[in-house]
Amino acid sequence: MQTKVSSKGQVVLPSPIRRKLGIVAGDPLDAKIEGESIVLTPRRKPKKKYTIKISKVTGMPVISTGGKGPKITSEMVAEMLADFP
């Protein structure tokens, strides 16, 4: 993925990267140089922003992101189901 540096030195992280890592506005990142590359690393491990609940309508498990969570990948679903009682 490609991005650009603004005149103020700001860089926009593409949304697929932000979603995958659970990065939101205001999250701290560590920046370092490795050879000729710039490496950005979130300072904290992303919190899980989803839960599994039982639907009152169907009685079946449903995944909830609370409306502001990241898009859910199949890997995330497999992880959630492994933790589900």
PDB file of N, CA and C in Angstrom:
ATOM      1  N   MET A   1       0.848  -1.173   0.000  1.00  0.00           N
ATOM      2  CA  MET A   1       0.000   0.000   0.000  1.00  0.00           C
ATOM      3  C   MET A   1       0.891   1.234   0.000  1.00  0.00           C
ATOM      4  N   GLN A   2       0.426   2.231  -0.673  1.00  0.00           N
ATOM      5  CA  GLN A   2       1.202   3.453  -0.786  1.00  0.00           C
ATOM      6  C   GLN A   2       0.491   4.603  -0.086  1.00  0.00           C
ATOM      7  N   THR A   3       1.276   5.495   0.501  1.00  0.00           N
ATOM      8  CA  THR A   3       0.755   6.691   1.131  1.00  0.00           C
ATOM      9  C   THR A   3       1.758   7.808   0.882  1.00  0.00           C
ATOM     10  N   LYS A   4       1.420   9.026   1.242  1.00  0.00           N
ATOM     11  CA  LYS A   4       2.302  10.167   1.007  1.00  0.00           C
ATOM     12  C   LYS A   4       2.537  10.926   2.304  1.00  0.00           C
ATOM     13  N   VAL A   5       3.622  11.687   2.318  1.00  0.00           N
ATOM     14  CA  VAL A   5       3.923  12.570   3.436  1.00  0.00           C
ATOM     15  C   VAL A   5       3.378  13.946   3.085  1.00  0.00           C
ATOM     16  N   SER A   6       2.606  14.551   4.015  1.00  0.00           N
ATOM     17  CA  SER A   6       2.042  15.886   3.777  1.00  0.00           C
ATOM     18  C   SER A   6       3.123  16.946   3.977  1.00  0.00           C
ATOM     19  N   SER A   7       2.789  18.173   3.653  1.00  0.00           N
ATOM     20  CA  SER A   7       3.730  19.278   3.840  1.00  0.00           C
ATOM     21  C   SER A   7       4.061  19.495   5.319  1.00  0.00           C
ATOM     22  N   LYS A   8       3.208  18.983   6.201  1.00  0.00           N
ATOM     23  CA  LYS A   8       3.450  19.083   7.648  1.00  0.00           C
ATOM     24  C   LYS A   8       4.178  17.851   8.198  1.00  0.00           C
ATOM     25  N   GLY A   9       4.578  16.937   7.313  1.00  0.00           N
ATOM     26  CA  GLY A   9       5.281  15.726   7.753  1.00  0.00           C
ATOM     27  C   GLY A   9       4.359  14.632   8.242  1.00  0.00           C
ATOM     28  N   GLN A  10       3.065  14.758   7.985  1.00  0.00           N
ATOM     29  CA  GLN A  10       2.092  13.767   8.436  1.00  0.00           C
ATOM     30  C   GLN A  10       1.919  12.666   7.398  1.00  0.00           C
ATOM     31  N   VAL A  11       1.686  11.445   7.897  1.00  0.00           N
ATOM     32  CA  VAL A  11       1.462  10.290   7.037  1.00  0.00           C
ATOM     33  C   VAL A  11       0.132   9.664   7.426  1.00  0.00           C
ATOM     34  N   VAL A  12      -0.681   9.326   6.446  1.00  0.00           N
ATOM     35  CA  VAL A  12      -1.958   8.649   6.701  1.00  0.00           C
ATOM     36  C   VAL A  12      -1.729   7.144   6.577  1.00  0.00           C
ATOM     37  N   LEU A  13      -2.088   6.411   7.636  1.00  0.00           N
ATOM     38  CA  LEU A  13      -2.030   4.957   7.566  1.00  0.00           C
ATOM     39  C   LEU A  13      -3.273   4.470   6.839  1.00  0.00           C
ATOM     40  N   PRO A  14      -3.121   3.651   5.799  1.00  0.00           N
ATOM     41  CA  PRO A  14      -4.292   3.154   5.073  1.00  0.00           C
ATOM     42  C   PRO A  14      -5.257   2.425   6.008  1.00  0.00           C
ATOM     43  N   SER A  15      -6.546   2.578   5.753  1.00  0.00           N
ATOM     44  CA  SER A  15      -7.569   2.007   6.638  1.00  0.00           C
ATOM     45  C   SER A  15      -7.457   0.497   6.809  1.00  0.00           C
ATOM     46  N   PRO A  16      -7.082  -0.305   5.773  1.00  0.00           N
ATOM     47  CA  PRO A  16      -6.961  -1.746   6.039  1.00  0.00           C
ATOM     48  C   PRO A  16      -5.904  -2.053   7.111  1.00  0.00           C
ATOM     49  N   ILE A  17      -4.835  -1.266   7.144  1.00  0.00           N
ATOM     50  CA  ILE A  17      -3.796  -1.463   8.158  1.00  0.00           C
ATOM     51  C   ILE A  17      -4.327  -1.067   9.531  1.00  0.00           C
ATOM     52  N   ARG A  18      -5.010   0.086   9.605  1.00  0.00           N
ATOM     53  CA  ARG A  18      -5.567   0.533  10.892  1.00  0.00           C
ATOM     54  C   ARG A  18      -6.565  -0.481  11.433  1.00  0.00           C
ATOM     55  N   ARG A  19      -7.454  -0.979  10.568  1.00  0.00           N
ATOM     56  CA  ARG A  19      -8.463  -1.951  11.012  1.00  0.00           C
ATOM     57  C   ARG A  19      -7.815  -3.239  11.506  1.00  0.00           C
ATOM     58  N   LYS A  20      -6.855  -3.738  10.736  1.00  0.00           N
ATOM     59  CA  LYS A  20      -6.227  -5.005  11.104  1.00  0.00           C
ATOM     60  C   LYS A  20      -5.522  -4.914  12.455  1.00  0.00           C
ATOM     61  N   LEU A  21      -4.913  -3.770  12.744  1.00  0.00           N
ATOM     62  CA  LEU A  21      -4.180  -3.602  13.999  1.00  0.00           C
ATOM     63  C   LEU A  21      -5.006  -2.941  15.093  1.00  0.00           C
ATOM     64  N   GLY A  22      -6.236  -2.552  14.784  1.00  0.00           N
ATOM     65  CA  GLY A  22      -7.092  -1.908  15.779  1.00  0.00           C
ATOM     66  C   GLY A  22      -6.604  -0.523  16.179  1.00  0.00           C
ATOM     67  N   ILE A  23      -5.927   0.161  15.264  1.00  0.00           N
ATOM     68  CA  ILE A  23      -5.401   1.495  15.544  1.00  0.00           C
ATOM     69  C   ILE A  23      -6.495   2.528  15.294  1.00  0.00           C
ATOM     70  N   VAL A  24      -6.689   3.406  16.281  1.00  0.00           N
ATOM     71  CA  VAL A  24      -7.673   4.484  16.153  1.00  0.00           C
ATOM     72  C   VAL A  24      -6.981   5.825  16.399  1.00  0.00           C
ATOM     73  N   ALA A  25      -7.677   6.914  16.065  1.00  0.00           N
ATOM     74  CA  ALA A  25      -7.120   8.256  16.236  1.00  0.00           C
ATOM     75  C   ALA A  25      -6.642   8.455  17.668  1.00  0.00           C
ATOM     76  N   GLY A  26      -5.454   9.002  17.802  1.00  0.00           N
ATOM     77  CA  GLY A  26      -4.894   9.275  19.123  1.00  0.00           C
ATOM     78  C   GLY A  26      -4.036   8.161  19.694  1.00  0.00           C
ATOM     79  N   ASP A  27      -4.037   6.978  19.068  1.00  0.00           N
ATOM     80  CA  ASP A  27      -3.203   5.879  19.565  1.00  0.00           C
ATOM     81  C   ASP A  27      -1.723   6.227  19.398  1.00  0.00           C
ATOM     82  N   PRO A  28      -0.909   5.955  20.432  1.00  0.00           N
ATOM     83  CA  PRO A  28       0.523   6.231  20.317  1.00  0.00           C
ATOM     84  C   PRO A  28       1.233   5.176  19.476  1.00  0.00           C
ATOM     85  N   LEU A  29       2.191   5.630  18.662  1.00  0.00           N
ATOM     86  CA  LEU A  29       3.010   4.741  17.845  1.00  0.00           C
ATOM     87  C   LEU A  29       4.474   5.034  18.134  1.00  0.00           C
ATOM     88  N   ASP A  30       5.303   4.000  18.150  1.00  0.00           N
ATOM     89  CA  ASP A  30       6.749   4.186  18.226  1.00  0.00           C
ATOM     90  C   ASP A  30       7.282   4.206  16.802  1.00  0.00           C
ATOM     91  N   ALA A  31       8.204   5.136  16.516  1.00  0.00           N
ATOM     92  CA  ALA A  31       8.809   5.249  15.191  1.00  0.00           C
ATOM     93  C   ALA A  31      10.303   5.026  15.316  1.00  0.00           C
ATOM     94  N   LYS A  32      10.853   4.196  14.424  1.00  0.00           N
ATOM     95  CA  LYS A  32      12.299   3.992  14.421  1.00  0.00           C
ATOM     96  C   LYS A  32      12.768   3.737  12.993  1.00  0.00           C
ATOM     97  N   ILE A  33      14.059   3.889  12.804  1.00  0.00           N
ATOM     98  CA  ILE A  33      14.671   3.662  11.499  1.00  0.00           C
ATOM     99  C   ILE A  33      15.378   2.317  11.545  1.00  0.00           C
ATOM    100  N   GLU A  34      15.110   1.490  10.548  1.00  0.00           N
ATOM    101  CA  GLU A  34      15.801   0.210  10.376  1.00  0.00           C
ATOM    102  C   GLU A  34      16.362   0.199   8.966  1.00  0.00           C
ATOM    103  N   GLY A  35      17.652   0.415   8.845  1.00  0.00           N
ATOM    104  CA  GLY A  35      18.275   0.506   7.528  1.00  0.00           C
ATOM    105  C   GLY A  35      17.733   1.716   6.795  1.00  0.00           C
ATOM    106  N   GLU A  36      17.091   1.487   5.666  1.00  0.00           N
ATOM    107  CA  GLU A  36      16.488   2.563   4.878  1.00  0.00           C
ATOM    108  C   GLU A  36      14.974   2.616   5.056  1.00  0.00           C
ATOM    109  N   SER A  37      14.466   1.948   6.088  1.00  0.00           N
ATOM    110  CA  SER A  37      13.017   1.881   6.304  1.00  0.00           C
ATOM    111  C   SER A  37      12.615   2.599   7.589  1.00  0.00           C
ATOM    112  N   ILE A  38      11.395   3.105   7.595  1.00  0.00           N
ATOM    113  CA  ILE A  38      10.780   3.670   8.790  1.00  0.00           C
ATOM    114  C   ILE A  38       9.800   2.622   9.303  1.00  0.00           C
ATOM    115  N   VAL A  39       9.907   2.274  10.594  1.00  0.00           N
ATOM    116  CA  VAL A  39       9.034   1.262  11.180  1.00  0.00           C
ATOM    117  C   VAL A  39       8.176   1.922  12.253  1.00  0.00           C
ATOM    118  N   LEU A  40       6.851   1.803  12.103  1.00  0.00           N
ATOM    119  CA  LEU A  40       5.900   2.309  13.093  1.00  0.00           C
ATOM    120  C   LEU A  40       5.297   1.118  13.824  1.00  0.00           C
ATOM    121  N   THR A  41       5.304   1.169  15.153  1.00  0.00           N
ATOM    122  CA  THR A  41       4.778   0.075  15.964  1.00  0.00           C
ATOM    123  C   THR A  41       3.827   0.628  17.018  1.00  0.00           C
ATOM    124  N   PRO A  42       2.596   0.082  17.109  1.00  0.00           N
ATOM    125  CA  PRO A  42       1.693   0.528  18.176  1.00  0.00           C
ATOM    126  C   PRO A  42       2.340   0.260  19.535  1.00  0.00           C
ATOM    127  N   ARG A  43       2.197   1.188  20.471  1.00  0.00           N
ATOM    128  CA  ARG A  43       2.805   1.042  21.799  1.00  0.00           C
ATOM    129  C   ARG A  43       2.087   0.017  22.652  1.00  0.00           C
ATOM    130  N   ARG A  44       0.849  -0.268  22.343  1.00  0.00           N
ATOM    131  CA  ARG A  44       0.089  -1.230  23.129  1.00  0.00           C
ATOM    132  C   ARG A  44      -0.491  -2.277  22.191  1.00  0.00           C
ATOM    133  N   LYS A  45      -0.776  -3.413  22.763  1.00  0.00           N
ATOM    134  CA  LYS A  45      -1.434  -4.445  21.975  1.00  0.00           C
ATOM    135  C   LYS A  45      -2.881  -4.018  21.779  1.00  0.00           C
ATOM    136  N   PRO A  46      -3.389  -4.105  20.547  1.00  0.00           N
ATOM    137  CA  PRO A  46      -4.784  -3.693  20.329  1.00  0.00           C
ATOM    138  C   PRO A  46      -5.755  -4.482  21.200  1.00  0.00           C
ATOM    139  N   LYS A  47      -6.708  -3.779  21.771  1.00  0.00           N
ATOM    140  CA  LYS A  47      -7.738  -4.428  22.580  1.00  0.00           C
ATOM    141  C   LYS A  47      -8.743  -5.098  21.660  1.00  0.00           C
ATOM    142  N   LYS A  48      -9.301  -6.195  22.143  1.00  0.00           N
ATOM    143  CA  LYS A  48     -10.374  -6.830  21.384  1.00  0.00           C
ATOM    144  C   LYS A  48     -11.576  -5.902  21.431  1.00  0.00           C
ATOM    145  N   LYS A  49     -12.127  -5.600  20.274  1.00  0.00           N
ATOM    146  CA  LYS A  49     -13.259  -4.685  20.216  1.00  0.00           C
ATOM    147  C   LYS A  49     -14.507  -5.427  19.752  1.00  0.00           C
ATOM    148  N   TYR A  50     -14.605  -6.665  20.185  1.00  0.00           N
ATOM    149  CA  TYR A  50     -15.755  -7.453  19.801  1.00  0.00           C
ATOM    150  C   TYR A  50     -16.125  -8.404  20.928  1.00  0.00           C
ATOM    151  N   THR A  51     -17.365  -8.826  20.907  1.00  0.00           N
ATOM    152  CA  THR A  51     -17.836  -9.810  21.878  1.00  0.00           C
ATOM    153  C   THR A  51     -18.789 -10.764  21.180  1.00  0.00           C
ATOM    154  N   ILE A  52     -18.981 -11.910  21.780  1.00  0.00           N
ATOM    155  CA  ILE A  52     -19.990 -12.843  21.286  1.00  0.00           C
ATOM    156  C   ILE A  52     -21.122 -12.837  22.307  1.00  0.00           C
ATOM    157  N   LYS A  53     -22.321 -12.603  21.813  1.00  0.00           N
ATOM    158  CA  LYS A  53     -23.503 -12.575  22.667  1.00  0.00           C
ATOM    159  C   LYS A  53     -24.536 -13.546  22.105  1.00  0.00           C
ATOM    160  N   ILE A  54     -25.492 -13.889  22.915  1.00  0.00           N
ATOM    161  CA  ILE A  54     -26.596 -14.728  22.456  1.00  0.00           C
ATOM    162  C   ILE A  54     -27.744 -13.813  22.044  1.00  0.00           C
ATOM    163  N   SER A  55     -28.199 -13.972  20.806  1.00  0.00           N
ATOM    164  CA  SER A  55     -29.291 -13.155  20.285  1.00  0.00           C
ATOM    165  C   SER A  55     -30.583 -13.462  21.040  1.00  0.00           C
ATOM    166  N   LYS A  56     -31.268 -12.413  21.462  1.00  0.00           N
ATOM    167  CA  LYS A  56     -32.554 -12.587  22.141  1.00  0.00           C
ATOM    168  C   LYS A  56     -33.626 -13.076  21.174  1.00  0.00           C
ATOM    169  N   VAL A  57     -33.425 -12.796  19.892  1.00  0.00           N
ATOM    170  CA  VAL A  57     -34.414 -13.173  18.878  1.00  0.00           C
ATOM    171  C   VAL A  57     -34.244 -14.620  18.444  1.00  0.00           C
ATOM    172  N   THR A  58     -32.997 -15.010  18.106  1.00  0.00           N
ATOM    173  CA  THR A  58     -32.776 -16.345  17.551  1.00  0.00           C
ATOM    174  C   THR A  58     -32.226 -17.350  18.554  1.00  0.00           C
ATOM    175  N   GLY A  59     -31.643 -16.857  19.660  1.00  0.00           N
ATOM    176  CA  GLY A  59     -31.000 -17.755  20.607  1.00  0.00           C
ATOM    177  C   GLY A  59     -29.642 -18.241  20.134  1.00  0.00           C
ATOM    178  N   MET A  60     -29.188 -17.715  19.002  1.00  0.00           N
ATOM    179  CA  MET A  60     -27.904 -18.117  18.417  1.00  0.00           C
ATOM    180  C   MET A  60     -26.822 -17.109  18.796  1.00  0.00           C
ATOM    181  N   PRO A  61     -25.543 -17.541  18.789  1.00  0.00           N
ATOM    182  CA  PRO A  61     -24.455 -16.594  19.052  1.00  0.00           C
ATOM    183  C   PRO A  61     -24.358 -15.559  17.934  1.00  0.00           C
ATOM    184  N   VAL A  62     -24.115 -14.310  18.316  1.00  0.00           N
ATOM    185  CA  VAL A  62     -23.890 -13.239  17.347  1.00  0.00           C
ATOM    186  C   VAL A  62     -22.633 -12.480  17.754  1.00  0.00           C
ATOM    187  N   ILE A  63     -21.934 -11.936  16.770  1.00  0.00           N
ATOM    188  CA  ILE A  63     -20.718 -11.170  17.021  1.00  0.00           C
ATOM    189  C   ILE A  63     -21.080  -9.696  17.035  1.00  0.00           C
ATOM    190  N   SER A  64     -20.649  -8.996  18.077  1.00  0.00           N
ATOM    191  CA  SER A  64     -20.934  -7.578  18.205  1.00  0.00           C
ATOM    192  C   SER A  64     -19.634  -6.795  18.278  1.00  0.00           C
ATOM    193  N   THR A  65     -19.522  -5.735  17.447  1.00  0.00           N
ATOM    194  CA  THR A  65     -18.354  -4.860  17.510  1.00  0.00           C
ATOM    195  C   THR A  65     -18.704  -3.549  18.188  1.00  0.00           C
ATOM    196  N   GLY A  66     -19.920  -3.408  18.658  1.00  0.00           N
ATOM    197  CA  GLY A  66     -20.323  -2.188  19.332  1.00  0.00           C
ATOM    198  C   GLY A  66     -20.449  -1.005  18.394  1.00  0.00           C
ATOM    199  N   GLY A  67     -20.423  -1.258  17.104  1.00  0.00           N
ATOM    200  CA  GLY A  67     -20.585  -0.183  16.124  1.00  0.00           C
ATOM    201  C   GLY A  67     -19.315   0.560  15.777  1.00  0.00           C
ATOM    202  N   LYS A  68     -18.292   0.532  16.649  1.00  0.00           N
ATOM    203  CA  LYS A  68     -17.074   1.278  16.370  1.00  0.00           C
ATOM    204  C   LYS A  68     -15.865   0.363  16.269  1.00  0.00           C
ATOM    205  N   GLY A  69     -16.083  -0.934  16.268  1.00  0.00           N
ATOM    206  CA  GLY A  69     -14.975  -1.877  16.219  1.00  0.00           C
ATOM    207  C   GLY A  69     -14.427  -2.052  14.816  1.00  0.00           C
ATOM    208  N   PRO A  70     -13.333  -2.809  14.699  1.00  0.00           N
ATOM    209  CA  PRO A  70     -12.750  -3.046  13.384  1.00  0.00           C
ATOM    210  C   PRO A  70     -13.609  -4.005  12.576  1.00  0.00           C
ATOM    211  N   LYS A  71     -13.380  -4.061  11.283  1.00  0.00           N
ATOM    212  CA  LYS A  71     -14.047  -5.080  10.476  1.00  0.00           C
ATOM    213  C   LYS A  71     -13.542  -6.431  10.950  1.00  0.00           C
ATOM    214  N   ILE A  72     -14.423  -7.399  10.986  1.00  0.00           N
ATOM    215  CA  ILE A  72     -14.071  -8.705  11.524  1.00  0.00           C
ATOM    216  C   ILE A  72     -13.616  -9.623  10.396  1.00  0.00           C
ATOM    217  N   THR A  73     -12.431 -10.214  10.580  1.00  0.00           N
ATOM    218  CA  THR A  73     -11.885 -11.147   9.599  1.00  0.00           C
ATOM    219  C   THR A  73     -12.236 -12.572  10.001  1.00  0.00           C
ATOM    220  N   SER A  74     -12.072 -13.509   9.083  1.00  0.00           N
ATOM    221  CA  SER A  74     -12.359 -14.909   9.393  1.00  0.00           C
ATOM    222  C   SER A  74     -11.411 -15.427  10.474  1.00  0.00           C
ATOM    223  N   GLU A  75     -10.171 -14.903  10.511  1.00  0.00           N
ATOM    224  CA  GLU A  75      -9.233 -15.306  11.553  1.00  0.00           C
ATOM    225  C   GLU A  75      -9.742 -14.858  12.928  1.00  0.00           C
ATOM    226  N   MET A  76     -10.308 -13.658  12.997  1.00  0.00           N
ATOM    227  CA  MET A  76     -10.849 -13.150  14.247  1.00  0.00           C
ATOM    228  C   MET A  76     -12.038 -13.996  14.698  1.00  0.00           C
ATOM    229  N   VAL A  77     -12.884 -14.399  13.757  1.00  0.00           N
ATOM    230  CA  VAL A  77     -14.043 -15.237  14.091  1.00  0.00           C
ATOM    231  C   VAL A  77     -13.566 -16.572  14.651  1.00  0.00           C
ATOM    232  N   ALA A  78     -12.551 -17.174  14.031  1.00  0.00           N
ATOM    233  CA  ALA A  78     -12.032 -18.453  14.520  1.00  0.00           C
ATOM    234  C   ALA A  78     -11.483 -18.305  15.936  1.00  0.00           C
ATOM    235  N   GLU A  79     -10.779 -17.193  16.214  1.00  0.00           N
ATOM    236  CA  GLU A  79     -10.246 -16.932  17.553  1.00  0.00           C
ATOM    237  C   GLU A  79     -11.373 -16.763  18.565  1.00  0.00           C
ATOM    238  N   MET A  80     -12.416 -16.013  18.187  1.00  0.00           N
ATOM    239  CA  MET A  80     -13.544 -15.785  19.094  1.00  0.00           C
ATOM    240  C   MET A  80     -14.254 -17.094  19.411  1.00  0.00           C
ATOM    241  N   LEU A  81     -14.479 -17.902  18.388  1.00  0.00           N
ATOM    242  CA  LEU A  81     -15.202 -19.157  18.585  1.00  0.00           C
ATOM    243  C   LEU A  81     -14.388 -20.118  19.455  1.00  0.00           C
ATOM    244  N   ALA A  82     -13.068 -20.055  19.368  1.00  0.00           N
ATOM    245  CA  ALA A  82     -12.226 -20.910  20.208  1.00  0.00           C
ATOM    246  C   ALA A  82     -12.385 -20.552  21.675  1.00  0.00           C
ATOM    247  N   ASP A  83     -12.663 -19.269  21.976  1.00  0.00           N
ATOM    248  CA  ASP A  83     -12.832 -18.800  23.359  1.00  0.00           C
ATOM    249  C   ASP A  83     -14.283 -18.900  23.847  1.00  0.00           C
ATOM    250  N   PHE A  84     -15.218 -19.193  22.951  1.00  0.00           N
ATOM    251  CA  PHE A  84     -16.633 -19.210  23.309  1.00  0.00           C
ATOM    252  C   PHE A  84     -16.983 -20.476  24.072  1.00  0.00           C
ATOM    253  N   PRO A  85     -17.699 -20.325  25.177  1.00  0.00           N
ATOM    254  CA  PRO A  85     -18.029 -21.526  25.990  1.00  0.00           C
ATOM    255  C   PRO A  85     -18.938 -22.507  25.301  1.00  0.00           C
TER     256      PRO A  85
END
